[in-house]
Amino acid sequence: MMYPYTTYILLILCIDRGDRYAQREALPLPTKPPYTAHLGNLPFDATQEHIDEFFSDCEVTSVRIVEDKIERRPKGFGYVEFATLEGLKKALELNMTQFRGRNIKISVADPRMSYFHLNSYEPMS
């Protein structure tokens, strides 16, 4: 037997999917290292080398593409650390530009999360 409300619930779930990712709140530029950017909307086939090349004028010191712990597949976001504040500023200017067929989202990373993701899943104390 088909329940009359099932169709409506599925319709609502489909409509809401487009807004399932919250907008990141803009964080202020850091005043001291690490100078880290959060990358969103990364293509799933992007590699560390692709990201190094994309940010070639920005003095990249490390790249972390976040992966699913079990399946080891990229989750579509990551972090890039830069040697200087100027490198981070240059990277932020590339926000919403094309990177391997997608508009990459670049923002200042939360210092606690960037440390967590760049240093072997050990959170800052």
PDB file of N, CA and C in Angstrom:
ATOM      1  N   MET A   1       0.841  -1.185   0.000  1.00  0.00           N
ATOM      2  CA  MET A   1       0.000   0.000   0.000  1.00  0.00           C
ATOM      3  C   MET A   1       0.885   1.246   0.000  1.00  0.00           C
ATOM      4  N   MET A   2       0.559   2.188  -0.829  1.00  0.00           N
ATOM      5  CA  MET A   2       1.310   3.435  -0.943  1.00  0.00           C
ATOM      6  C   MET A   2       0.726   4.464   0.015  1.00  0.00           C
ATOM      7  N   TYR A   3       1.566   5.069   0.796  1.00  0.00           N
ATOM      8  CA  TYR A   3       1.112   6.101   1.720  1.00  0.00           C
ATOM      9  C   TYR A   3       1.073   7.443   0.999  1.00  0.00           C
ATOM     10  N   PRO A   4       0.047   8.219   1.198  1.00  0.00           N
ATOM     11  CA  PRO A   4      -0.093   9.476   0.450  1.00  0.00           C
ATOM     12  C   PRO A   4       0.982  10.512   0.779  1.00  0.00           C
ATOM     13  N   TYR A   5       1.599  10.444   1.943  1.00  0.00           N
ATOM     14  CA  TYR A   5       2.569  11.466   2.337  1.00  0.00           C
ATOM     15  C   TYR A   5       3.983  11.164   1.838  1.00  0.00           C
ATOM     16  N   THR A   6       4.217   9.946   1.422  1.00  0.00           N
ATOM     17  CA  THR A   6       5.553   9.549   0.976  1.00  0.00           C
ATOM     18  C   THR A   6       6.043  10.417  -0.173  1.00  0.00           C
ATOM     19  N   THR A   7       5.216  10.668  -1.146  1.00  0.00           N
ATOM     20  CA  THR A   7       5.593  11.467  -2.297  1.00  0.00           C
ATOM     21  C   THR A   7       5.989  12.868  -1.872  1.00  0.00           C
ATOM     22  N   TYR A   8       5.264  13.445  -0.957  1.00  0.00           N
ATOM     23  CA  TYR A   8       5.558  14.803  -0.510  1.00  0.00           C
ATOM     24  C   TYR A   8       6.878  14.863   0.242  1.00  0.00           C
ATOM     25  N   ILE A   9       7.156  13.878   1.057  1.00  0.00           N
ATOM     26  CA  ILE A   9       8.408  13.863   1.802  1.00  0.00           C
ATOM     27  C   ILE A   9       9.584  13.745   0.845  1.00  0.00           C
ATOM     28  N   LEU A  10       9.500  12.869  -0.120  1.00  0.00           N
ATOM     29  CA  LEU A  10      10.574  12.730  -1.090  1.00  0.00           C
ATOM     30  C   LEU A  10      10.757  14.006  -1.895  1.00  0.00           C
ATOM     31  N   LEU A  11       9.691  14.664  -2.262  1.00  0.00           N
ATOM     32  CA  LEU A  11       9.763  15.913  -3.000  1.00  0.00           C
ATOM     33  C   LEU A  11      10.475  16.978  -2.173  1.00  0.00           C
ATOM     34  N   ILE A  12      10.148  17.072  -0.914  1.00  0.00           N
ATOM     35  CA  ILE A  12      10.783  18.056  -0.033  1.00  0.00           C
ATOM     36  C   ILE A  12      12.278  17.773   0.096  1.00  0.00           C
ATOM     37  N   LEU A  13      12.649  16.514   0.247  1.00  0.00           N
ATOM     38  CA  LEU A  13      14.062  16.165   0.354  1.00  0.00           C
ATOM     39  C   LEU A  13      14.820  16.536  -0.906  1.00  0.00           C
ATOM     40  N   CYS A  14      14.234  16.336  -2.052  1.00  0.00           N
ATOM     41  CA  CYS A  14      14.886  16.681  -3.311  1.00  0.00           C
ATOM     42  C   CYS A  14      15.049  18.184  -3.467  1.00  0.00           C
ATOM     43  N   ILE A  15      14.067  18.940  -3.062  1.00  0.00           N
ATOM     44  CA  ILE A  15      14.140  20.398  -3.171  1.00  0.00           C
ATOM     45  C   ILE A  15      15.210  20.943  -2.235  1.00  0.00           C
ATOM     46  N   ASP A  16      15.329  20.396  -1.040  1.00  0.00           N
ATOM     47  CA  ASP A  16      16.267  20.909  -0.050  1.00  0.00           C
ATOM     48  C   ASP A  16      17.724  20.551  -0.344  1.00  0.00           C
ATOM     49  N   ARG A  17      17.994  19.606  -1.182  1.00  0.00           N
ATOM     50  CA  ARG A  17      19.370  19.181  -1.442  1.00  0.00           C
ATOM     51  C   ARG A  17      20.258  20.302  -1.946  1.00  0.00           C
ATOM     52  N   GLY A  18      19.711  21.230  -2.703  1.00  0.00           N
ATOM     53  CA  GLY A  18      20.520  22.313  -3.257  1.00  0.00           C
ATOM     54  C   GLY A  18      21.123  23.217  -2.209  1.00  0.00           C
ATOM     55  N   ASP A  19      20.527  23.333  -1.056  1.00  0.00           N
ATOM     56  CA  ASP A  19      21.020  24.209   0.001  1.00  0.00           C
ATOM     57  C   ASP A  19      21.629  23.437   1.160  1.00  0.00           C
ATOM     58  N   ARG A  20      22.070  22.225   0.924  1.00  0.00           N
ATOM     59  CA  ARG A  20      22.521  21.409   2.049  1.00  0.00           C
ATOM     60  C   ARG A  20      23.883  21.832   2.586  1.00  0.00           C
ATOM     61  N   TYR A  21      24.643  22.608   1.821  1.00  0.00           N
ATOM     62  CA  TYR A  21      25.934  23.076   2.298  1.00  0.00           C
ATOM     63  C   TYR A  21      25.812  24.521   2.754  1.00  0.00           C
ATOM     64  N   ALA A  22      26.133  24.756   3.999  1.00  0.00           N
ATOM     65  CA  ALA A  22      26.051  26.109   4.554  1.00  0.00           C
ATOM     66  C   ALA A  22      27.179  26.966   3.982  1.00  0.00           C
ATOM     67  N   GLN A  23      26.910  28.237   3.843  1.00  0.00           N
ATOM     68  CA  GLN A  23      27.936  29.171   3.402  1.00  0.00           C
ATOM     69  C   GLN A  23      28.959  29.342   4.519  1.00  0.00           C
ATOM     70  N   ARG A  24      30.242  29.349   4.139  1.00  0.00           N
ATOM     71  CA  ARG A  24      31.306  29.543   5.135  1.00  0.00           C
ATOM     72  C   ARG A  24      31.361  31.010   5.536  1.00  0.00           C
ATOM     73  N   GLU A  25      31.432  31.246   6.820  1.00  0.00           N
ATOM     74  CA  GLU A  25      31.565  32.610   7.318  1.00  0.00           C
ATOM     75  C   GLU A  25      32.989  33.082   7.034  1.00  0.00           C
ATOM     76  N   ALA A  26      33.118  34.291   6.496  1.00  0.00           N
ATOM     77  CA  ALA A  26      34.443  34.831   6.179  1.00  0.00           C
ATOM     78  C   ALA A  26      35.213  35.078   7.467  1.00  0.00           C
ATOM     79  N   LEU A  27      36.414  34.540   7.530  1.00  0.00           N
ATOM     80  CA  LEU A  27      37.285  34.735   8.685  1.00  0.00           C
ATOM     81  C   LEU A  27      38.308  35.814   8.369  1.00  0.00           C
ATOM     82  N   PRO A  28      38.797  36.527   9.381  1.00  0.00           N
ATOM     83  CA  PRO A  28      39.814  37.554   9.127  1.00  0.00           C
ATOM     84  C   PRO A  28      41.133  36.918   8.703  1.00  0.00           C
ATOM     85  N   LEU A  29      41.959  37.689   8.021  1.00  0.00           N
ATOM     86  CA  LEU A  29      43.284  37.206   7.648  1.00  0.00           C
ATOM     87  C   LEU A  29      44.102  36.964   8.912  1.00  0.00           C
ATOM     88  N   PRO A  30      44.886  35.903   8.938  1.00  0.00           N
ATOM     89  CA  PRO A  30      45.711  35.646  10.115  1.00  0.00           C
ATOM     90  C   PRO A  30      46.830  36.676  10.230  1.00  0.00           C
ATOM     91  N   THR A  31      47.247  36.945  11.447  1.00  0.00           N
ATOM     92  CA  THR A  31      48.331  37.911  11.687  1.00  0.00           C
ATOM     93  C   THR A  31      49.673  37.213  11.855  1.00  0.00           C
ATOM     94  N   LYS A  32      49.644  35.883  11.987  1.00  0.00           N
ATOM     95  CA  LYS A  32      50.872  35.097  12.115  1.00  0.00           C
ATOM     96  C   LYS A  32      50.634  33.727  11.488  1.00  0.00           C
ATOM     97  N   PRO A  33      51.711  32.997  11.170  1.00  0.00           N
ATOM     98  CA  PRO A  33      51.537  31.671  10.565  1.00  0.00           C
ATOM     99  C   PRO A  33      50.746  30.740  11.493  1.00  0.00           C
ATOM    100  N   PRO A  34      50.102  29.753  10.960  1.00  0.00           N
ATOM    101  CA  PRO A  34      50.078  29.346   9.561  1.00  0.00           C
ATOM    102  C   PRO A  34      49.133  30.207   8.728  1.00  0.00           C
ATOM    103  N   TYR A  35      49.480  30.407   7.475  1.00  0.00           N
ATOM    104  CA  TYR A  35      48.660  31.141   6.523  1.00  0.00           C
ATOM    105  C   TYR A  35      47.977  30.104   5.634  1.00  0.00           C
ATOM    106  N   THR A  36      46.800  29.686   6.043  1.00  0.00           N
ATOM    107  CA  THR A  36      46.141  28.539   5.412  1.00  0.00           C
ATOM    108  C   THR A  36      44.806  28.923   4.795  1.00  0.00           C
ATOM    109  N   ALA A  37      44.551  28.376   3.602  1.00  0.00           N
ATOM    110  CA  ALA A  37      43.280  28.576   2.903  1.00  0.00           C
ATOM    111  C   ALA A  37      42.498  27.267   2.895  1.00  0.00           C
ATOM    112  N   HIS A  38      41.197  27.398   3.002  1.00  0.00           N
ATOM    113  CA  HIS A  38      40.278  26.267   2.829  1.00  0.00           C
ATOM    114  C   HIS A  38      39.866  26.269   1.364  1.00  0.00           C
ATOM    115  N   LEU A  39      39.926  25.112   0.721  1.00  0.00           N
ATOM    116  CA  LEU A  39      39.514  24.970  -0.667  1.00  0.00           C
ATOM    117  C   LEU A  39      38.227  24.169  -0.720  1.00  0.00           C
ATOM    118  N   GLY A  40      37.237  24.702  -1.395  1.00  0.00           N
ATOM    119  CA  GLY A  40      35.975  23.990  -1.563  1.00  0.00           C
ATOM    120  C   GLY A  40      35.669  23.782  -3.027  1.00  0.00           C
ATOM    121  N   ASN A  41      34.780  22.844  -3.302  1.00  0.00           N
ATOM    122  CA  ASN A  41      34.357  22.500  -4.660  1.00  0.00           C
ATOM    123  C   ASN A  41      35.522  21.984  -5.506  1.00  0.00           C
ATOM    124  N   LEU A  42      36.434  21.261  -4.858  1.00  0.00           N
ATOM    125  CA  LEU A  42      37.552  20.672  -5.595  1.00  0.00           C
ATOM    126  C   LEU A  42      37.057  19.528  -6.469  1.00  0.00           C
ATOM    127  N   PRO A  43      37.577  19.410  -7.677  1.00  0.00           N
ATOM    128  CA  PRO A  43      37.240  18.238  -8.490  1.00  0.00           C
ATOM    129  C   PRO A  43      37.802  16.986  -7.807  1.00  0.00           C
ATOM    130  N   PHE A  44      37.096  15.891  -7.920  1.00  0.00           N
ATOM    131  CA  PHE A  44      37.507  14.671  -7.238  1.00  0.00           C
ATOM    132  C   PHE A  44      38.778  14.067  -7.830  1.00  0.00           C
ATOM    133  N   ASP A  45      39.158  14.490  -9.037  1.00  0.00           N
ATOM    134  CA  ASP A  45      40.390  13.970  -9.635  1.00  0.00           C
ATOM    135  C   ASP A  45      41.579  14.904  -9.421  1.00  0.00           C
ATOM    136  N   ALA A  46      41.410  15.978  -8.650  1.00  0.00           N
ATOM    137  CA  ALA A  46      42.500  16.921  -8.397  1.00  0.00           C
ATOM    138  C   ALA A  46      43.572  16.258  -7.529  1.00  0.00           C
ATOM    139  N   THR A  47      44.821  16.530  -7.869  1.00  0.00           N
ATOM    140  CA  THR A  47      45.945  15.996  -7.102  1.00  0.00           C
ATOM    141  C   THR A  47      46.708  17.143  -6.448  1.00  0.00           C
ATOM    142  N   GLN A  48      47.624  16.778  -5.575  1.00  0.00           N
ATOM    143  CA  GLN A  48      48.467  17.779  -4.926  1.00  0.00           C
ATOM    144  C   GLN A  48      49.253  18.566  -5.976  1.00  0.00           C
ATOM    145  N   GLU A  49      49.709  17.892  -7.009  1.00  0.00           N
ATOM    146  CA  GLU A  49      50.464  18.553  -8.071  1.00  0.00           C
ATOM    147  C   GLU A  49      49.598  19.572  -8.815  1.00  0.00           C
ATOM    148  N   HIS A  50      48.343  19.223  -9.081  1.00  0.00           N
ATOM    149  CA  HIS A  50      47.433  20.175  -9.738  1.00  0.00           C
ATOM    150  C   HIS A  50      47.259  21.433  -8.889  1.00  0.00           C
ATOM    151  N   ILE A  51      47.101  21.246  -7.587  1.00  0.00           N
ATOM    152  CA  ILE A  51      46.899  22.386  -6.686  1.00  0.00           C
ATOM    153  C   ILE A  51      48.178  23.214  -6.597  1.00  0.00           C
ATOM    154  N   ASP A  52      49.330  22.563  -6.499  1.00  0.00           N
ATOM    155  CA  ASP A  52      50.612  23.297  -6.494  1.00  0.00           C
ATOM    156  C   ASP A  52      50.743  24.157  -7.743  1.00  0.00           C
ATOM    157  N   GLU A  53      50.383  23.601  -8.889  1.00  0.00           N
ATOM    158  CA  GLU A  53      50.467  24.331 -10.156  1.00  0.00           C
ATOM    159  C   GLU A  53      49.490  25.507 -10.189  1.00  0.00           C
ATOM    160  N   PHE A  54      48.261  25.289  -9.708  1.00  0.00           N
ATOM    161  CA  PHE A  54      47.238  26.337  -9.696  1.00  0.00           C
ATOM    162  C   PHE A  54      47.699  27.531  -8.852  1.00  0.00           C
ATOM    163  N   PHE A  55      48.346  27.252  -7.729  1.00  0.00           N
ATOM    164  CA  PHE A  55      48.811  28.302  -6.819  1.00  0.00           C
ATOM    165  C   PHE A  55      50.315  28.571  -6.983  1.00  0.00           C
ATOM    166  N   SER A  56      50.855  28.393  -8.170  1.00  0.00           N
ATOM    167  CA  SER A  56      52.300  28.491  -8.387  1.00  0.00           C
ATOM    168  C   SER A  56      52.895  29.846  -8.001  1.00  0.00           C
ATOM    169  N   ASP A  57      52.129  30.920  -8.053  1.00  0.00           N
ATOM    170  CA  ASP A  57      52.627  32.257  -7.692  1.00  0.00           C
ATOM    171  C   ASP A  57      52.386  32.605  -6.222  1.00  0.00           C
ATOM    172  N   CYS A  58      51.965  31.635  -5.424  1.00  0.00           N
ATOM    173  CA  CYS A  58      51.513  31.941  -4.061  1.00  0.00           C
ATOM    174  C   CYS A  58      52.367  31.343  -2.948  1.00  0.00           C
ATOM    175  N   GLU A  59      53.516  30.776  -3.260  1.00  0.00           N
ATOM    176  CA  GLU A  59      54.435  30.235  -2.254  1.00  0.00           C
ATOM    177  C   GLU A  59      53.797  29.139  -1.387  1.00  0.00           C
ATOM    178  N   VAL A  60      53.316  28.090  -2.015  1.00  0.00           N
ATOM    179  CA  VAL A  60      52.691  26.972  -1.304  1.00  0.00           C
ATOM    180  C   VAL A  60      53.745  26.203  -0.507  1.00  0.00           C
ATOM    181  N   THR A  61      53.416  25.893   0.758  1.00  0.00           N
ATOM    182  CA  THR A  61      54.311  25.067   1.575  1.00  0.00           C
ATOM    183  C   THR A  61      53.741  23.672   1.818  1.00  0.00           C
ATOM    184  N   SER A  62      52.408  23.526   1.829  1.00  0.00           N
ATOM    185  CA  SER A  62      51.820  22.197   1.979  1.00  0.00           C
ATOM    186  C   SER A  62      50.389  22.185   1.444  1.00  0.00           C
ATOM    187  N   VAL A  63      49.963  20.999   1.026  1.00  0.00           N
ATOM    188  CA  VAL A  63      48.626  20.789   0.473  1.00  0.00           C
ATOM    189  C   VAL A  63      48.033  19.572   1.156  1.00  0.00           C
ATOM    190  N   ARG A  64      46.764  19.653   1.502  1.00  0.00           N
ATOM    191  CA  ARG A  64      46.056  18.511   2.087  1.00  0.00           C
ATOM    192  C   ARG A  64      44.707  18.381   1.419  1.00  0.00           C
ATOM    193  N   ILE A  65      44.501  17.314   0.651  1.00  0.00           N
ATOM    194  CA  ILE A  65      43.195  17.006   0.074  1.00  0.00           C
ATOM    195  C   ILE A  65      42.534  16.026   1.022  1.00  0.00           C
ATOM    196  N   VAL A  66      41.411  16.410   1.583  1.00  0.00           N
ATOM    197  CA  VAL A  66      40.739  15.582   2.581  1.00  0.00           C
ATOM    198  C   VAL A  66      40.055  14.406   1.897  1.00  0.00           C
ATOM    199  N   GLU A  67      40.282  13.222   2.464  1.00  0.00           N
ATOM    200  CA  GLU A  67      39.721  11.987   1.920  1.00  0.00           C
ATOM    201  C   GLU A  67      38.820  11.306   2.934  1.00  0.00           C
ATOM    202  N   ASP A  68      37.908  10.494   2.424  1.00  0.00           N
ATOM    203  CA  ASP A  68      37.078   9.637   3.256  1.00  0.00           C
ATOM    204  C   ASP A  68      38.010   8.642   3.950  1.00  0.00           C
ATOM    205  N   LYS A  69      37.847   8.463   5.247  1.00  0.00           N
ATOM    206  CA  LYS A  69      38.759   7.605   6.011  1.00  0.00           C
ATOM    207  C   LYS A  69      38.691   6.143   5.593  1.00  0.00           C
ATOM    208  N   ILE A  70      37.523   5.685   5.218  1.00  0.00           N
ATOM    209  CA  ILE A  70      37.347   4.269   4.896  1.00  0.00           C
ATOM    210  C   ILE A  70      37.667   3.981   3.435  1.00  0.00           C
ATOM    211  N   GLU A  71      37.051   4.725   2.537  1.00  0.00           N
ATOM    212  CA  GLU A  71      37.203   4.453   1.106  1.00  0.00           C
ATOM    213  C   GLU A  71      38.388   5.166   0.468  1.00  0.00           C
ATOM    214  N   ARG A  72      39.014   6.106   1.210  1.00  0.00           N
ATOM    215  CA  ARG A  72      40.187   6.841   0.719  1.00  0.00           C
ATOM    216  C   ARG A  72      39.915   7.605  -0.574  1.00  0.00           C
ATOM    217  N   ARG A  73      38.662   8.085  -0.734  1.00  0.00           N
ATOM    218  CA  ARG A  73      38.316   8.900  -1.899  1.00  0.00           C
ATOM    219  C   ARG A  73      38.234  10.360  -1.465  1.00  0.00           C
ATOM    220  N   PRO A  74      38.645  11.284  -2.337  1.00  0.00           N
ATOM    221  CA  PRO A  74      38.575  12.710  -1.992  1.00  0.00           C
ATOM    222  C   PRO A  74      37.142  13.140  -1.691  1.00  0.00           C
ATOM    223  N   LYS A  75      37.011  14.072  -0.725  1.00  0.00           N
ATOM    224  CA  LYS A  75      35.699  14.579  -0.320  1.00  0.00           C
ATOM    225  C   LYS A  75      35.325  15.880  -1.027  1.00  0.00           C
ATOM    226  N   GLY A  76      36.224  16.438  -1.831  1.00  0.00           N
ATOM    227  CA  GLY A  76      35.915  17.657  -2.567  1.00  0.00           C
ATOM    228  C   GLY A  76      36.341  18.934  -1.870  1.00  0.00           C
ATOM    229  N   PHE A  77      37.144  18.799  -0.814  1.00  0.00           N
ATOM    230  CA  PHE A  77      37.688  19.999  -0.180  1.00  0.00           C
ATOM    231  C   PHE A  77      39.076  19.690   0.366  1.00  0.00           C
ATOM    232  N   GLY A  78      39.789  20.753   0.718  1.00  0.00           N
ATOM    233  CA  GLY A  78      41.133  20.579   1.244  1.00  0.00           C
ATOM    234  C   GLY A  78      41.679  21.869   1.814  1.00  0.00           C
ATOM    235  N   TYR A  79      42.965  21.845   2.117  1.00  0.00           N
ATOM    236  CA  TYR A  79      43.635  22.988   2.725  1.00  0.00           C
ATOM    237  C   TYR A  79      44.979  23.194   2.048  1.00  0.00           C
ATOM    238  N   VAL A  80      45.372  24.452   1.920  1.00  0.00           N
ATOM    239  CA  VAL A  80      46.685  24.797   1.386  1.00  0.00           C
ATOM    240  C   VAL A  80      47.316  25.789   2.345  1.00  0.00           C
ATOM    241  N   GLU A  81      48.557  25.520   2.718  1.00  0.00           N
ATOM    242  CA  GLU A  81      49.295  26.444   3.574  1.00  0.00           C
ATOM    243  C   GLU A  81      50.315  27.185   2.720  1.00  0.00           C
ATOM    244  N   PHE A  82      50.435  28.481   2.993  1.00  0.00           N
ATOM    245  CA  PHE A  82      51.329  29.344   2.235  1.00  0.00           C
ATOM    246  C   PHE A  82      52.445  29.857   3.137  1.00  0.00           C
ATOM    247  N   ALA A  83      53.600  30.171   2.549  1.00  0.00           N
ATOM    248  CA  ALA A  83      54.764  30.633   3.310  1.00  0.00           C
ATOM    249  C   ALA A  83      54.547  32.021   3.905  1.00  0.00           C
ATOM    250  N   THR A  84      53.763  32.853   3.205  1.00  0.00           N
ATOM    251  CA  THR A  84      53.592  34.244   3.649  1.00  0.00           C
ATOM    252  C   THR A  84      52.129  34.661   3.588  1.00  0.00           C
ATOM    253  N   LEU A  85      51.834  35.742   4.265  1.00  0.00           N
ATOM    254  CA  LEU A  85      50.498  36.326   4.210  1.00  0.00           C
ATOM    255  C   LEU A  85      50.190  36.800   2.789  1.00  0.00           C
ATOM    256  N   GLU A  86      51.197  37.314   2.100  1.00  0.00           N
ATOM    257  CA  GLU A  86      50.999  37.762   0.715  1.00  0.00           C
ATOM    258  C   GLU A  86      50.600  36.601  -0.188  1.00  0.00           C
ATOM    259  N   GLY A  87      51.181  35.438   0.038  1.00  0.00           N
ATOM    260  CA  GLY A  87      50.801  34.254  -0.730  1.00  0.00           C
ATOM    261  C   GLY A  87      49.343  33.888  -0.505  1.00  0.00           C
ATOM    262  N   LEU A  88      48.900  33.951   0.733  1.00  0.00           N
ATOM    263  CA  LEU A  88      47.491  33.682   1.050  1.00  0.00           C
ATOM    264  C   LEU A  88      46.586  34.711   0.377  1.00  0.00           C
ATOM    265  N   LYS A  89      46.972  35.976   0.420  1.00  0.00           N
ATOM    266  CA  LYS A  89      46.157  37.023  -0.219  1.00  0.00           C
ATOM    267  C   LYS A  89      46.031  36.798  -1.722  1.00  0.00           C
ATOM    268  N   LYS A  90      47.140  36.414  -2.384  1.00  0.00           N
ATOM    269  CA  LYS A  90      47.092  36.118  -3.819  1.00  0.00           C
ATOM    270  C   LYS A  90      46.147  34.948  -4.093  1.00  0.00           C
ATOM    271  N   ALA A  91      46.214  33.939  -3.228  1.00  0.00           N
ATOM    272  CA  ALA A  91      45.347  32.764  -3.400  1.00  0.00           C
ATOM    273  C   ALA A  91      43.877  33.151  -3.255  1.00  0.00           C
ATOM    274  N   LEU A  92      43.557  34.013  -2.309  1.00  0.00           N
ATOM    275  CA  LEU A  92      42.167  34.432  -2.090  1.00  0.00           C
ATOM    276  C   LEU A  92      41.609  35.171  -3.306  1.00  0.00           C
ATOM    277  N   GLU A  93      42.469  35.821  -4.071  1.00  0.00           N
ATOM    278  CA  GLU A  93      42.035  36.513  -5.289  1.00  0.00           C
ATOM    279  C   GLU A  93      41.567  35.525  -6.363  1.00  0.00           C
ATOM    280  N   LEU A  94      41.941  34.262  -6.236  1.00  0.00           N
ATOM    281  CA  LEU A  94      41.543  33.235  -7.206  1.00  0.00           C
ATOM    282  C   LEU A  94      40.201  32.585  -6.859  1.00  0.00           C
ATOM    283  N   ASN A  95      39.558  33.056  -5.793  1.00  0.00           N
ATOM    284  CA  ASN A  95      38.263  32.502  -5.399  1.00  0.00           C
ATOM    285  C   ASN A  95      37.264  32.556  -6.558  1.00  0.00           C
ATOM    286  N   MET A  96      36.571  31.447  -6.762  1.00  0.00           N
ATOM    287  CA  MET A  96      35.529  31.293  -7.786  1.00  0.00           C
ATOM    288  C   MET A  96      36.073  31.369  -9.218  1.00  0.00           C
ATOM    289  N   THR A  97      37.354  31.060  -9.395  1.00  0.00           N
ATOM    290  CA  THR A  97      37.898  30.937 -10.744  1.00  0.00           C
ATOM    291  C   THR A  97      37.897  29.460 -11.132  1.00  0.00           C
ATOM    292  N   GLN A  98      38.051  29.188 -12.419  1.00  0.00           N
ATOM    293  CA  GLN A  98      38.023  27.820 -12.930  1.00  0.00           C
ATOM    294  C   GLN A  98      39.278  27.047 -12.530  1.00  0.00           C
ATOM    295  N   PHE A  99      39.055  25.889 -11.955  1.00  0.00           N
ATOM    296  CA  PHE A  99      40.126  24.964 -11.617  1.00  0.00           C
ATOM    297  C   PHE A  99      39.694  23.578 -12.064  1.00  0.00           C
ATOM    298  N   ARG A 100      40.288  23.099 -13.144  1.00  0.00           N
ATOM    299  CA  ARG A 100      39.969  21.773 -13.680  1.00  0.00           C
ATOM    300  C   ARG A 100      38.474  21.590 -13.910  1.00  0.00           C
ATOM    301  N   GLY A 101      37.847  22.632 -14.488  1.00  0.00           N
ATOM    302  CA  GLY A 101      36.444  22.544 -14.885  1.00  0.00           C
ATOM    303  C   GLY A 101      35.432  22.910 -13.812  1.00  0.00           C
ATOM    304  N   ARG A 102      35.878  23.344 -12.648  1.00  0.00           N
ATOM    305  CA  ARG A 102      34.949  23.732 -11.571  1.00  0.00           C
ATOM    306  C   ARG A 102      35.361  25.079 -10.999  1.00  0.00           C
ATOM    307  N   ASN A 103      34.391  25.794 -10.462  1.00  0.00           N
ATOM    308  CA  ASN A 103      34.689  27.057  -9.785  1.00  0.00           C
ATOM    309  C   ASN A 103      35.157  26.736  -8.371  1.00  0.00           C
ATOM    310  N   ILE A 104      36.437  26.930  -8.127  1.00  0.00           N
ATOM    311  CA  ILE A 104      37.011  26.611  -6.825  1.00  0.00           C
ATOM    312  C   ILE A 104      36.654  27.699  -5.816  1.00  0.00           C
ATOM    313  N   LYS A 105      36.325  27.283  -4.610  1.00  0.00           N
ATOM    314  CA  LYS A 105      36.008  28.229  -3.534  1.00  0.00           C
ATOM    315  C   LYS A 105      37.210  28.293  -2.603  1.00  0.00           C
ATOM    316  N   ILE A 106      37.711  29.495  -2.407  1.00  0.00           N
ATOM    317  CA  ILE A 106      38.909  29.692  -1.589  1.00  0.00           C
ATOM    318  C   ILE A 106      38.588  30.689  -0.496  1.00  0.00           C
ATOM    319  N   SER A 107      38.852  30.308   0.745  1.00  0.00           N
ATOM    320  CA  SER A 107      38.595  31.198   1.877  1.00  0.00           C
ATOM    321  C   SER A 107      39.659  30.972   2.945  1.00  0.00           C
ATOM    322  N   VAL A 108      39.749  31.912   3.860  1.00  0.00           N
ATOM    323  CA  VAL A 108      40.675  31.762   4.984  1.00  0.00           C
ATOM    324  C   VAL A 108      40.199  30.578   5.818  1.00  0.00           C
ATOM    325  N   ALA A 109      41.116  29.689   6.134  1.00  0.00           N
ATOM    326  CA  ALA A 109      40.765  28.503   6.911  1.00  0.00           C
ATOM    327  C   ALA A 109      40.675  28.831   8.393  1.00  0.00           C
ATOM    328  N   ASP A 110      39.791  28.130   9.066  1.00  0.00           N
ATOM    329  CA  ASP A 110      39.726  28.189  10.524  1.00  0.00           C
ATOM    330  C   ASP A 110      41.052  27.624  11.030  1.00  0.00           C
ATOM    331  N   PRO A 111      41.816  28.385  11.815  1.00  0.00           N
ATOM    332  CA  PRO A 111      43.142  27.912  12.243  1.00  0.00           C
ATOM    333  C   PRO A 111      43.095  26.554  12.941  1.00  0.00           C
ATOM    334  N   ARG A 112      42.075  26.290  13.709  1.00  0.00           N
ATOM    335  CA  ARG A 112      41.982  25.001  14.407  1.00  0.00           C
ATOM    336  C   ARG A 112      41.768  23.862  13.425  1.00  0.00           C
ATOM    337  N   MET A 113      40.914  24.066  12.416  1.00  0.00           N
ATOM    338  CA  MET A 113      40.624  23.003  11.457  1.00  0.00           C
ATOM    339  C   MET A 113      41.788  22.785  10.494  1.00  0.00           C
ATOM    340  N   SER A 114      42.463  23.840  10.081  1.00  0.00           N
ATOM    341  CA  SER A 114      43.571  23.661   9.152  1.00  0.00           C
ATOM    342  C   SER A 114      44.701  22.906   9.841  1.00  0.00           C
ATOM    343  N   TYR A 115      44.945  23.196  11.108  1.00  0.00           N
ATOM    344  CA  TYR A 115      45.962  22.458  11.859  1.00  0.00           C
ATOM    345  C   TYR A 115      45.561  20.993  11.947  1.00  0.00           C
ATOM    346  N   PHE A 116      44.328  20.761  12.275  1.00  0.00           N
ATOM    347  CA  PHE A 116      43.796  19.407  12.412  1.00  0.00           C
ATOM    348  C   PHE A 116      43.971  18.627  11.123  1.00  0.00           C
ATOM    349  N   HIS A 117      43.663  19.224   9.986  1.00  0.00           N
ATOM    350  CA  HIS A 117      43.718  18.502   8.722  1.00  0.00           C
ATOM    351  C   HIS A 117      45.125  18.422   8.130  1.00  0.00           C
ATOM    352  N   LEU A 118      45.997  19.345   8.456  1.00  0.00           N
ATOM    353  CA  LEU A 118      47.338  19.298   7.882  1.00  0.00           C
ATOM    354  C   LEU A 118      48.299  18.476   8.720  1.00  0.00           C
ATOM    355  N   ASN A 119      47.929  18.152   9.949  1.00  0.00           N
ATOM    356  CA  ASN A 119      48.852  17.463  10.850  1.00  0.00           C
ATOM    357  C   ASN A 119      48.295  16.132  11.361  1.00  0.00           C
ATOM    358  N   SER A 120      48.031  15.239  10.473  1.00  0.00           N
ATOM    359  CA  SER A 120      47.694  13.847  10.799  1.00  0.00           C
ATOM    360  C   SER A 120      46.541  13.677  11.773  1.00  0.00           C
ATOM    361  N   TYR A 121      45.518  14.460  11.626  1.00  0.00           N
ATOM    362  CA  TYR A 121      44.304  14.313  12.412  1.00  0.00           C
ATOM    363  C   TYR A 121      44.514  14.455  13.912  1.00  0.00           C
ATOM    364  N   GLU A 122      45.483  15.237  14.323  1.00  0.00           N
ATOM    365  CA  GLU A 122      45.682  15.501  15.749  1.00  0.00           C
ATOM    366  C   GLU A 122      45.226  16.924  16.025  1.00  0.00           C
ATOM    367  N   PRO A 123      44.103  17.103  16.735  1.00  0.00           N
ATOM    368  CA  PRO A 123      43.593  18.459  16.968  1.00  0.00           C
ATOM    369  C   PRO A 123      44.507  19.279  17.870  1.00  0.00           C
ATOM    370  N   MET A 124      44.446  20.599  17.671  1.00  0.00           N
ATOM    371  CA  MET A 124      45.213  21.510  18.516  1.00  0.00           C
ATOM    372  C   MET A 124      44.678  21.462  19.931  1.00  0.00           C
ATOM    373  N   SER A 125      45.542  21.592  20.903  1.00  0.00           N
ATOM    374  CA  SER A 125      45.074  21.609  22.293  1.00  0.00           C
ATOM    375  C   SER A 125      44.946  23.025  22.792  1.00  0.00           C
TER     376      SER A 125
END
